[in-house]
Amino acid sequence: FPNVKCLFYAAGSVQHFAAEFLSC
């Protein structure tokens, strides 16, 4: 996903995946 700017998660907890996307 080299061009992705935003990830929209239509659910609750993002703990299992968010840190890596934020780091990118």
mmCIF file of all heavy atoms, coordinates in Angstrom:
data_MODEL
# 
_entry.id   MODEL 
# 
loop_
_atom_site.group_PDB 
_atom_site.id 
_atom_site.type_symbol 
_atom_site.label_atom_id 
_atom_site.label_alt_id 
_atom_site.label_comp_id 
_atom_site.label_asym_id 
_atom_site.label_entity_id 
_atom_site.label_seq_id 
_atom_site.pdbx_PDB_ins_code 
_atom_site.Cartn_x 
_atom_site.Cartn_y 
_atom_site.Cartn_z 
_atom_site.occupancy 
_atom_site.B_iso_or_equiv 
_atom_site.pdbx_formal_charge 
_atom_site.auth_seq_id 
_atom_site.auth_comp_id 
_atom_site.auth_asym_id 
_atom_site.auth_atom_id 
_atom_site.pdbx_PDB_model_num 
ATOM 1   N N   . PHE A 1 1  ? 0.823   -1.217 0.000  1.00 0.00 ? 1  PHE A N   1 
ATOM 2   C CA  . PHE A 1 1  ? 0.000   0.000  0.000  1.00 0.00 ? 1  PHE A CA  1 
ATOM 3   C C   . PHE A 1 1  ? 0.858   1.268  0.000  1.00 0.00 ? 1  PHE A C   1 
ATOM 4   O O   . PHE A 1 1  ? 0.740   2.108  0.897  1.00 0.00 ? 1  PHE A O   1 
ATOM 5   C CB  . PHE A 1 1  ? -0.901  0.005  1.249  1.00 0.00 ? 1  PHE A CB  1 
ATOM 6   C CG  . PHE A 1 1  ? -1.690  -1.265 1.446  1.00 0.00 ? 1  PHE A CG  1 
ATOM 7   C CD1 . PHE A 1 1  ? -1.376  -2.127 2.498  1.00 0.00 ? 1  PHE A CD1 1 
ATOM 8   C CD2 . PHE A 1 1  ? -2.721  -1.608 0.591  1.00 0.00 ? 1  PHE A CD2 1 
ATOM 9   C CE1 . PHE A 1 1  ? -2.096  -3.299 2.694  1.00 0.00 ? 1  PHE A CE1 1 
ATOM 10  C CE2 . PHE A 1 1  ? -3.447  -2.780 0.771  1.00 0.00 ? 1  PHE A CE2 1 
ATOM 11  C CZ  . PHE A 1 1  ? -3.134  -3.633 1.826  1.00 0.00 ? 1  PHE A CZ  1 
ATOM 12  N N   . PRO A 1 2  ? 1.698   1.448  -0.989 1.00 0.00 ? 2  PRO A N   1 
ATOM 13  C CA  . PRO A 1 2  ? 2.633   2.578  -0.979 1.00 0.00 ? 2  PRO A CA  1 
ATOM 14  C C   . PRO A 1 2  ? 1.960   3.950  -1.080 1.00 0.00 ? 2  PRO A C   1 
ATOM 15  O O   . PRO A 1 2  ? 2.560   4.958  -0.685 1.00 0.00 ? 2  PRO A O   1 
ATOM 16  C CB  . PRO A 1 2  ? 3.510   2.314  -2.205 1.00 0.00 ? 2  PRO A CB  1 
ATOM 17  C CG  . PRO A 1 2  ? 2.658   1.468  -3.104 1.00 0.00 ? 2  PRO A CG  1 
ATOM 18  C CD  . PRO A 1 2  ? 1.854   0.612  -2.195 1.00 0.00 ? 2  PRO A CD  1 
ATOM 19  N N   . ASN A 1 3  ? 0.727   4.000  -1.580 1.00 0.00 ? 3  ASN A N   1 
ATOM 20  C CA  . ASN A 1 3  ? 0.054   5.289  -1.765 1.00 0.00 ? 3  ASN A CA  1 
ATOM 21  C C   . ASN A 1 3  ? -1.088  5.548  -0.786 1.00 0.00 ? 3  ASN A C   1 
ATOM 22  O O   . ASN A 1 3  ? -1.757  6.576  -0.874 1.00 0.00 ? 3  ASN A O   1 
ATOM 23  C CB  . ASN A 1 3  ? -0.480  5.391  -3.209 1.00 0.00 ? 3  ASN A CB  1 
ATOM 24  C CG  . ASN A 1 3  ? 0.643   5.552  -4.206 1.00 0.00 ? 3  ASN A CG  1 
ATOM 25  O OD1 . ASN A 1 3  ? 1.445   6.480  -4.103 1.00 0.00 ? 3  ASN A OD1 1 
ATOM 26  N ND2 . ASN A 1 3  ? 0.719   4.648  -5.175 1.00 0.00 ? 3  ASN A ND2 1 
ATOM 27  N N   . VAL A 1 4  ? -1.303  4.623  0.134  1.00 0.00 ? 4  VAL A N   1 
ATOM 28  C CA  . VAL A 1 4  ? -2.411  4.783  1.077  1.00 0.00 ? 4  VAL A CA  1 
ATOM 29  C C   . VAL A 1 4  ? -2.119  5.922  2.056  1.00 0.00 ? 4  VAL A C   1 
ATOM 30  O O   . VAL A 1 4  ? -1.041  5.995  2.641  1.00 0.00 ? 4  VAL A O   1 
ATOM 31  C CB  . VAL A 1 4  ? -2.685  3.465  1.839  1.00 0.00 ? 4  VAL A CB  1 
ATOM 32  C CG1 . VAL A 1 4  ? -3.595  3.715  3.046  1.00 0.00 ? 4  VAL A CG1 1 
ATOM 33  C CG2 . VAL A 1 4  ? -3.335  2.446  0.914  1.00 0.00 ? 4  VAL A CG2 1 
ATOM 34  N N   . LYS A 1 5  ? -3.103  6.776  2.220  1.00 0.00 ? 5  LYS A N   1 
ATOM 35  C CA  . LYS A 1 5  ? -2.981  7.905  3.154  1.00 0.00 ? 5  LYS A CA  1 
ATOM 36  C C   . LYS A 1 5  ? -3.777  7.668  4.434  1.00 0.00 ? 5  LYS A C   1 
ATOM 37  O O   . LYS A 1 5  ? -3.390  8.134  5.509  1.00 0.00 ? 5  LYS A O   1 
ATOM 38  C CB  . LYS A 1 5  ? -3.495  9.192  2.486  1.00 0.00 ? 5  LYS A CB  1 
ATOM 39  C CG  . LYS A 1 5  ? -2.826  9.526  1.167  1.00 0.00 ? 5  LYS A CG  1 
ATOM 40  C CD  . LYS A 1 5  ? -1.366  9.862  1.365  1.00 0.00 ? 5  LYS A CD  1 
ATOM 41  C CE  . LYS A 1 5  ? -0.727  10.353 0.068  1.00 0.00 ? 5  LYS A CE  1 
ATOM 42  N NZ  . LYS A 1 5  ? -0.705  9.320  -0.999 1.00 0.00 ? 5  LYS A NZ  1 
ATOM 43  N N   . CYS A 1 6  ? -4.922  6.941  4.325  1.00 0.00 ? 6  CYS A N   1 
ATOM 44  C CA  . CYS A 1 6  ? -5.808  6.765  5.475  1.00 0.00 ? 6  CYS A CA  1 
ATOM 45  C C   . CYS A 1 6  ? -6.399  5.366  5.492  1.00 0.00 ? 6  CYS A C   1 
ATOM 46  O O   . CYS A 1 6  ? -6.685  4.786  4.438  1.00 0.00 ? 6  CYS A O   1 
ATOM 47  C CB  . CYS A 1 6  ? -6.966  7.769  5.442  1.00 0.00 ? 6  CYS A CB  1 
ATOM 48  S SG  . CYS A 1 6  ? -6.468  9.498  5.433  1.00 0.00 ? 6  CYS A SG  1 
ATOM 49  N N   . LEU A 1 7  ? -6.585  4.833  6.706  1.00 0.00 ? 7  LEU A N   1 
ATOM 50  C CA  . LEU A 1 7  ? -7.262  3.553  6.908  1.00 0.00 ? 7  LEU A CA  1 
ATOM 51  C C   . LEU A 1 7  ? -8.467  3.795  7.800  1.00 0.00 ? 7  LEU A C   1 
ATOM 52  O O   . LEU A 1 7  ? -8.328  4.320  8.909  1.00 0.00 ? 7  LEU A O   1 
ATOM 53  C CB  . LEU A 1 7  ? -6.317  2.542  7.545  1.00 0.00 ? 7  LEU A CB  1 
ATOM 54  C CG  . LEU A 1 7  ? -6.774  1.079  7.636  1.00 0.00 ? 7  LEU A CG  1 
ATOM 55  C CD1 . LEU A 1 7  ? -5.578  0.150  7.841  1.00 0.00 ? 7  LEU A CD1 1 
ATOM 56  C CD2 . LEU A 1 7  ? -7.777  0.838  8.766  1.00 0.00 ? 7  LEU A CD2 1 
ATOM 57  N N   . PHE A 1 8  ? -9.647  3.419  7.314  1.00 0.00 ? 8  PHE A N   1 
ATOM 58  C CA  . PHE A 1 8  ? -10.897 3.630  8.058  1.00 0.00 ? 8  PHE A CA  1 
ATOM 59  C C   . PHE A 1 8  ? -11.443 2.275  8.507  1.00 0.00 ? 8  PHE A C   1 
ATOM 60  O O   . PHE A 1 8  ? -11.842 1.451  7.675  1.00 0.00 ? 8  PHE A O   1 
ATOM 61  C CB  . PHE A 1 8  ? -11.914 4.352  7.179  1.00 0.00 ? 8  PHE A CB  1 
ATOM 62  C CG  . PHE A 1 8  ? -11.434 5.687  6.692  1.00 0.00 ? 8  PHE A CG  1 
ATOM 63  C CD1 . PHE A 1 8  ? -10.808 5.806  5.456  1.00 0.00 ? 8  PHE A CD1 1 
ATOM 64  C CD2 . PHE A 1 8  ? -11.580 6.826  7.474  1.00 0.00 ? 8  PHE A CD2 1 
ATOM 65  C CE1 . PHE A 1 8  ? -10.356 7.030  4.993  1.00 0.00 ? 8  PHE A CE1 1 
ATOM 66  C CE2 . PHE A 1 8  ? -11.127 8.063  7.027  1.00 0.00 ? 8  PHE A CE2 1 
ATOM 67  C CZ  . PHE A 1 8  ? -10.505 8.166  5.783  1.00 0.00 ? 8  PHE A CZ  1 
ATOM 68  N N   . TYR A 1 9  ? -11.430 2.055  9.810  1.00 0.00 ? 9  TYR A N   1 
ATOM 69  C CA  . TYR A 1 9  ? -11.811 0.761  10.383 1.00 0.00 ? 9  TYR A CA  1 
ATOM 70  C C   . TYR A 1 9  ? -13.206 0.851  10.984 1.00 0.00 ? 9  TYR A C   1 
ATOM 71  O O   . TYR A 1 9  ? -13.398 1.433  12.057 1.00 0.00 ? 9  TYR A O   1 
ATOM 72  C CB  . TYR A 1 9  ? -10.790 0.363  11.446 1.00 0.00 ? 9  TYR A CB  1 
ATOM 73  C CG  . TYR A 1 9  ? -11.016 -0.996 12.057 1.00 0.00 ? 9  TYR A CG  1 
ATOM 74  C CD1 . TYR A 1 9  ? -10.969 -2.159 11.285 1.00 0.00 ? 9  TYR A CD1 1 
ATOM 75  C CD2 . TYR A 1 9  ? -11.258 -1.129 13.431 1.00 0.00 ? 9  TYR A CD2 1 
ATOM 76  C CE1 . TYR A 1 9  ? -11.160 -3.414 11.858 1.00 0.00 ? 9  TYR A CE1 1 
ATOM 77  C CE2 . TYR A 1 9  ? -11.442 -2.377 14.008 1.00 0.00 ? 9  TYR A CE2 1 
ATOM 78  C CZ  . TYR A 1 9  ? -11.401 -3.513 13.213 1.00 0.00 ? 9  TYR A CZ  1 
ATOM 79  O OH  . TYR A 1 9  ? -11.593 -4.753 13.779 1.00 0.00 ? 9  TYR A OH  1 
ATOM 80  N N   . ALA A 1 10 ? -14.185 0.281  10.307 1.00 0.00 ? 10 ALA A N   1 
ATOM 81  C CA  . ALA A 1 10 ? -15.579 0.324  10.757 1.00 0.00 ? 10 ALA A CA  1 
ATOM 82  C C   . ALA A 1 10 ? -15.836 -0.788 11.769 1.00 0.00 ? 10 ALA A C   1 
ATOM 83  O O   . ALA A 1 10 ? -16.582 -1.738 11.519 1.00 0.00 ? 10 ALA A O   1 
ATOM 84  C CB  . ALA A 1 10 ? -16.520 0.209  9.568  1.00 0.00 ? 10 ALA A CB  1 
ATOM 85  N N   . ALA A 1 11 ? -15.187 -0.668 12.903 1.00 0.00 ? 11 ALA A N   1 
ATOM 86  C CA  . ALA A 1 11 ? -15.351 -1.592 14.032 1.00 0.00 ? 11 ALA A CA  1 
ATOM 87  C C   . ALA A 1 11 ? -14.709 -0.918 15.241 1.00 0.00 ? 11 ALA A C   1 
ATOM 88  O O   . ALA A 1 11 ? -14.505 0.304  15.232 1.00 0.00 ? 11 ALA A O   1 
ATOM 89  C CB  . ALA A 1 11 ? -14.746 -2.960 13.733 1.00 0.00 ? 11 ALA A CB  1 
ATOM 90  N N   . GLY A 1 12 ? -14.360 -1.702 16.264 1.00 0.00 ? 12 GLY A N   1 
ATOM 91  C CA  . GLY A 1 12 ? -13.875 -1.113 17.507 1.00 0.00 ? 12 GLY A CA  1 
ATOM 92  C C   . GLY A 1 12 ? -12.368 -1.057 17.647 1.00 0.00 ? 12 GLY A C   1 
ATOM 93  O O   . GLY A 1 12 ? -11.692 -0.198 17.074 1.00 0.00 ? 12 GLY A O   1 
ATOM 94  N N   . SER A 1 13 ? -11.798 -2.001 18.404 1.00 0.00 ? 13 SER A N   1 
ATOM 95  C CA  . SER A 1 13 ? -10.382 -1.952 18.753 1.00 0.00 ? 13 SER A CA  1 
ATOM 96  C C   . SER A 1 13 ? -9.469  -2.087 17.537 1.00 0.00 ? 13 SER A C   1 
ATOM 97  O O   . SER A 1 13 ? -9.664  -2.944 16.678 1.00 0.00 ? 13 SER A O   1 
ATOM 98  C CB  . SER A 1 13 ? -10.049 -3.061 19.751 1.00 0.00 ? 13 SER A CB  1 
ATOM 99  O OG  . SER A 1 13 ? -8.663  -3.067 20.030 1.00 0.00 ? 13 SER A OG  1 
ATOM 100 N N   . VAL A 1 14 ? -8.435  -1.241 17.501 1.00 0.00 ? 14 VAL A N   1 
ATOM 101 C CA  . VAL A 1 14 ? -7.450  -1.277 16.415 1.00 0.00 ? 14 VAL A CA  1 
ATOM 102 C C   . VAL A 1 14 ? -6.086  -1.763 16.915 1.00 0.00 ? 14 VAL A C   1 
ATOM 103 O O   . VAL A 1 14 ? -5.084  -1.678 16.191 1.00 0.00 ? 14 VAL A O   1 
ATOM 104 C CB  . VAL A 1 14 ? -7.294  0.121  15.772 1.00 0.00 ? 14 VAL A CB  1 
ATOM 105 C CG1 . VAL A 1 14 ? -8.589  0.586  15.153 1.00 0.00 ? 14 VAL A CG1 1 
ATOM 106 C CG2 . VAL A 1 14 ? -6.811  1.149  16.827 1.00 0.00 ? 14 VAL A CG2 1 
ATOM 107 N N   . GLN A 1 15 ? -6.043  -2.274 18.145 1.00 0.00 ? 15 GLN A N   1 
ATOM 108 C CA  . GLN A 1 15 ? -4.775  -2.622 18.773 1.00 0.00 ? 15 GLN A CA  1 
ATOM 109 C C   . GLN A 1 15 ? -3.973  -3.652 17.977 1.00 0.00 ? 15 GLN A C   1 
ATOM 110 O O   . GLN A 1 15 ? -2.741  -3.635 18.006 1.00 0.00 ? 15 GLN A O   1 
ATOM 111 C CB  . GLN A 1 15 ? -5.020  -3.152 20.191 1.00 0.00 ? 15 GLN A CB  1 
ATOM 112 C CG  . GLN A 1 15 ? -5.476  -2.108 21.189 1.00 0.00 ? 15 GLN A CG  1 
ATOM 113 C CD  . GLN A 1 15 ? -4.365  -1.140 21.599 1.00 0.00 ? 15 GLN A CD  1 
ATOM 114 O OE1 . GLN A 1 15 ? -3.217  -1.280 21.178 1.00 0.00 ? 15 GLN A OE1 1 
ATOM 115 N NE2 . GLN A 1 15 ? -4.696  -0.154 22.401 1.00 0.00 ? 15 GLN A NE2 1 
ATOM 116 N N   . HIS A 1 16 ? -4.639  -4.554 17.272 1.00 0.00 ? 16 HIS A N   1 
ATOM 117 C CA  . HIS A 1 16 ? -3.926  -5.646 16.610 1.00 0.00 ? 16 HIS A CA  1 
ATOM 118 C C   . HIS A 1 16 ? -3.304  -5.270 15.272 1.00 0.00 ? 16 HIS A C   1 
ATOM 119 O O   . HIS A 1 16 ? -2.598  -6.075 14.668 1.00 0.00 ? 16 HIS A O   1 
ATOM 120 C CB  . HIS A 1 16 ? -4.856  -6.850 16.431 1.00 0.00 ? 16 HIS A CB  1 
ATOM 121 C CG  . HIS A 1 16 ? -6.029  -6.604 15.522 1.00 0.00 ? 16 HIS A CG  1 
ATOM 122 N ND1 . HIS A 1 16 ? -7.059  -5.763 15.855 1.00 0.00 ? 16 HIS A ND1 1 
ATOM 123 C CD2 . HIS A 1 16 ? -6.320  -7.095 14.297 1.00 0.00 ? 16 HIS A CD2 1 
ATOM 124 C CE1 . HIS A 1 16 ? -7.944  -5.750 14.879 1.00 0.00 ? 16 HIS A CE1 1 
ATOM 125 N NE2 . HIS A 1 16 ? -7.514  -6.536 13.928 1.00 0.00 ? 16 HIS A NE2 1 
ATOM 126 N N   . PHE A 1 17 ? -3.532  -4.041 14.787 1.00 0.00 ? 17 PHE A N   1 
ATOM 127 C CA  . PHE A 1 17 ? -2.965  -3.705 13.480 1.00 0.00 ? 17 PHE A CA  1 
ATOM 128 C C   . PHE A 1 17 ? -2.530  -2.248 13.330 1.00 0.00 ? 17 PHE A C   1 
ATOM 129 O O   . PHE A 1 17 ? -1.753  -1.927 12.430 1.00 0.00 ? 17 PHE A O   1 
ATOM 130 C CB  . PHE A 1 17 ? -3.977  -4.015 12.362 1.00 0.00 ? 17 PHE A CB  1 
ATOM 131 C CG  . PHE A 1 17 ? -5.201  -3.125 12.369 1.00 0.00 ? 17 PHE A CG  1 
ATOM 132 C CD1 . PHE A 1 17 ? -5.181  -1.884 11.750 1.00 0.00 ? 17 PHE A CD1 1 
ATOM 133 C CD2 . PHE A 1 17 ? -6.366  -3.531 12.998 1.00 0.00 ? 17 PHE A CD2 1 
ATOM 134 C CE1 . PHE A 1 17 ? -6.300  -1.062 11.749 1.00 0.00 ? 17 PHE A CE1 1 
ATOM 135 C CE2 . PHE A 1 17 ? -7.494  -2.720 13.010 1.00 0.00 ? 17 PHE A CE2 1 
ATOM 136 C CZ  . PHE A 1 17 ? -7.454  -1.481 12.382 1.00 0.00 ? 17 PHE A CZ  1 
ATOM 137 N N   . ALA A 1 18 ? -2.994  -1.345 14.184 1.00 0.00 ? 18 ALA A N   1 
ATOM 138 C CA  . ALA A 1 18 ? -2.838  0.087  13.927 1.00 0.00 ? 18 ALA A CA  1 
ATOM 139 C C   . ALA A 1 18 ? -1.406  0.600  14.022 1.00 0.00 ? 18 ALA A C   1 
ATOM 140 O O   . ALA A 1 18 ? -1.001  1.475  13.248 1.00 0.00 ? 18 ALA A O   1 
ATOM 141 C CB  . ALA A 1 18 ? -3.722  0.875  14.890 1.00 0.00 ? 18 ALA A CB  1 
ATOM 142 N N   . ALA A 1 19 ? -0.630  0.066  14.964 1.00 0.00 ? 19 ALA A N   1 
ATOM 143 C CA  . ALA A 1 19 ? 0.709   0.623  15.220 1.00 0.00 ? 19 ALA A CA  1 
ATOM 144 C C   . ALA A 1 19 ? 1.577   0.629  13.968 1.00 0.00 ? 19 ALA A C   1 
ATOM 145 O O   . ALA A 1 19 ? 2.278   1.616  13.689 1.00 0.00 ? 19 ALA A O   1 
ATOM 146 C CB  . ALA A 1 19 ? 1.394   -0.163 16.334 1.00 0.00 ? 19 ALA A CB  1 
ATOM 147 N N   . GLU A 1 20 ? 1.525   -0.455 13.215 1.00 0.00 ? 20 GLU A N   1 
ATOM 148 C CA  . GLU A 1 20 ? 2.366   -0.549 12.010 1.00 0.00 ? 20 GLU A CA  1 
ATOM 149 C C   . GLU A 1 20 ? 1.935   0.456  10.935 1.00 0.00 ? 20 GLU A C   1 
ATOM 150 O O   . GLU A 1 20 ? 2.768   1.066  10.262 1.00 0.00 ? 20 GLU A O   1 
ATOM 151 C CB  . GLU A 1 20 ? 2.315   -1.977 11.453 1.00 0.00 ? 20 GLU A CB  1 
ATOM 152 C CG  . GLU A 1 20 ? 3.088   -3.007 12.278 1.00 0.00 ? 20 GLU A CG  1 
ATOM 153 C CD  . GLU A 1 20 ? 2.376   -3.428 13.558 1.00 0.00 ? 20 GLU A CD  1 
ATOM 154 O OE1 . GLU A 1 20 ? 1.173   -3.079 13.716 1.00 0.00 ? 20 GLU A OE1 1 
ATOM 155 O OE2 . GLU A 1 20 ? 3.008   -4.088 14.400 1.00 0.00 ? 20 GLU A OE2 1 
ATOM 156 N N   . PHE A 1 21 ? 0.632   0.636  10.763 1.00 0.00 ? 21 PHE A N   1 
ATOM 157 C CA  . PHE A 1 21 ? 0.162   1.615  9.778  1.00 0.00 ? 21 PHE A CA  1 
ATOM 158 C C   . PHE A 1 21 ? 0.545   3.026  10.203 1.00 0.00 ? 21 PHE A C   1 
ATOM 159 O O   . PHE A 1 21 ? 0.993   3.829  9.375  1.00 0.00 ? 21 PHE A O   1 
ATOM 160 C CB  . PHE A 1 21 ? -1.358  1.501  9.606  1.00 0.00 ? 21 PHE A CB  1 
ATOM 161 C CG  . PHE A 1 21 ? -1.782  0.380  8.699  1.00 0.00 ? 21 PHE A CG  1 
ATOM 162 C CD1 . PHE A 1 21 ? -2.072  -0.877 9.204  1.00 0.00 ? 21 PHE A CD1 1 
ATOM 163 C CD2 . PHE A 1 21 ? -1.875  0.572  7.321  1.00 0.00 ? 21 PHE A CD2 1 
ATOM 164 C CE1 . PHE A 1 21 ? -2.451  -1.927 8.370  1.00 0.00 ? 21 PHE A CE1 1 
ATOM 165 C CE2 . PHE A 1 21 ? -2.254  -0.458 6.474  1.00 0.00 ? 21 PHE A CE2 1 
ATOM 166 C CZ  . PHE A 1 21 ? -2.541  -1.720 6.991  1.00 0.00 ? 21 PHE A CZ  1 
ATOM 167 N N   . LEU A 1 22 ? 0.406   3.319  11.489 1.00 0.00 ? 22 LEU A N   1 
ATOM 168 C CA  . LEU A 1 22 ? 0.786   4.639  11.984 1.00 0.00 ? 22 LEU A CA  1 
ATOM 169 C C   . LEU A 1 22 ? 2.280   4.881  11.811 1.00 0.00 ? 22 LEU A C   1 
ATOM 170 O O   . LEU A 1 22 ? 2.703   5.990  11.473 1.00 0.00 ? 22 LEU A O   1 
ATOM 171 C CB  . LEU A 1 22 ? 0.389   4.777  13.460 1.00 0.00 ? 22 LEU A CB  1 
ATOM 172 C CG  . LEU A 1 22 ? -1.120  4.862  13.745 1.00 0.00 ? 22 LEU A CG  1 
ATOM 173 C CD1 . LEU A 1 22 ? -1.395  4.711  15.235 1.00 0.00 ? 22 LEU A CD1 1 
ATOM 174 C CD2 . LEU A 1 22 ? -1.695  6.176  13.231 1.00 0.00 ? 22 LEU A CD2 1 
ATOM 175 N N   . SER A 1 23 ? 3.073   3.835  12.017 1.00 0.00 ? 23 SER A N   1 
ATOM 176 C CA  . SER A 1 23 ? 4.524   3.954  11.846 1.00 0.00 ? 23 SER A CA  1 
ATOM 177 C C   . SER A 1 23 ? 4.906   4.257  10.404 1.00 0.00 ? 23 SER A C   1 
ATOM 178 O O   . SER A 1 23 ? 5.950   4.848  10.135 1.00 0.00 ? 23 SER A O   1 
ATOM 179 C CB  . SER A 1 23 ? 5.218   2.664  12.304 1.00 0.00 ? 23 SER A CB  1 
ATOM 180 O OG  . SER A 1 23 ? 5.080   2.500  13.697 1.00 0.00 ? 23 SER A OG  1 
ATOM 181 N N   . CYS A 1 24 ? 4.041   3.843  9.499  1.00 0.00 ? 24 CYS A N   1 
ATOM 182 C CA  . CYS A 1 24 ? 4.278   4.094  8.073  1.00 0.00 ? 24 CYS A CA  1 
ATOM 183 C C   . CYS A 1 24 ? 3.703   5.431  7.613  1.00 0.00 ? 24 CYS A C   1 
ATOM 184 O O   . CYS A 1 24 ? 3.691   5.735  6.419  1.00 0.00 ? 24 CYS A O   1 
ATOM 185 C CB  . CYS A 1 24 ? 3.682   2.971  7.229  1.00 0.00 ? 24 CYS A CB  1 
ATOM 186 S SG  . CYS A 1 24 ? 4.515   1.386  7.427  1.00 0.00 ? 24 CYS A SG  1 
# 
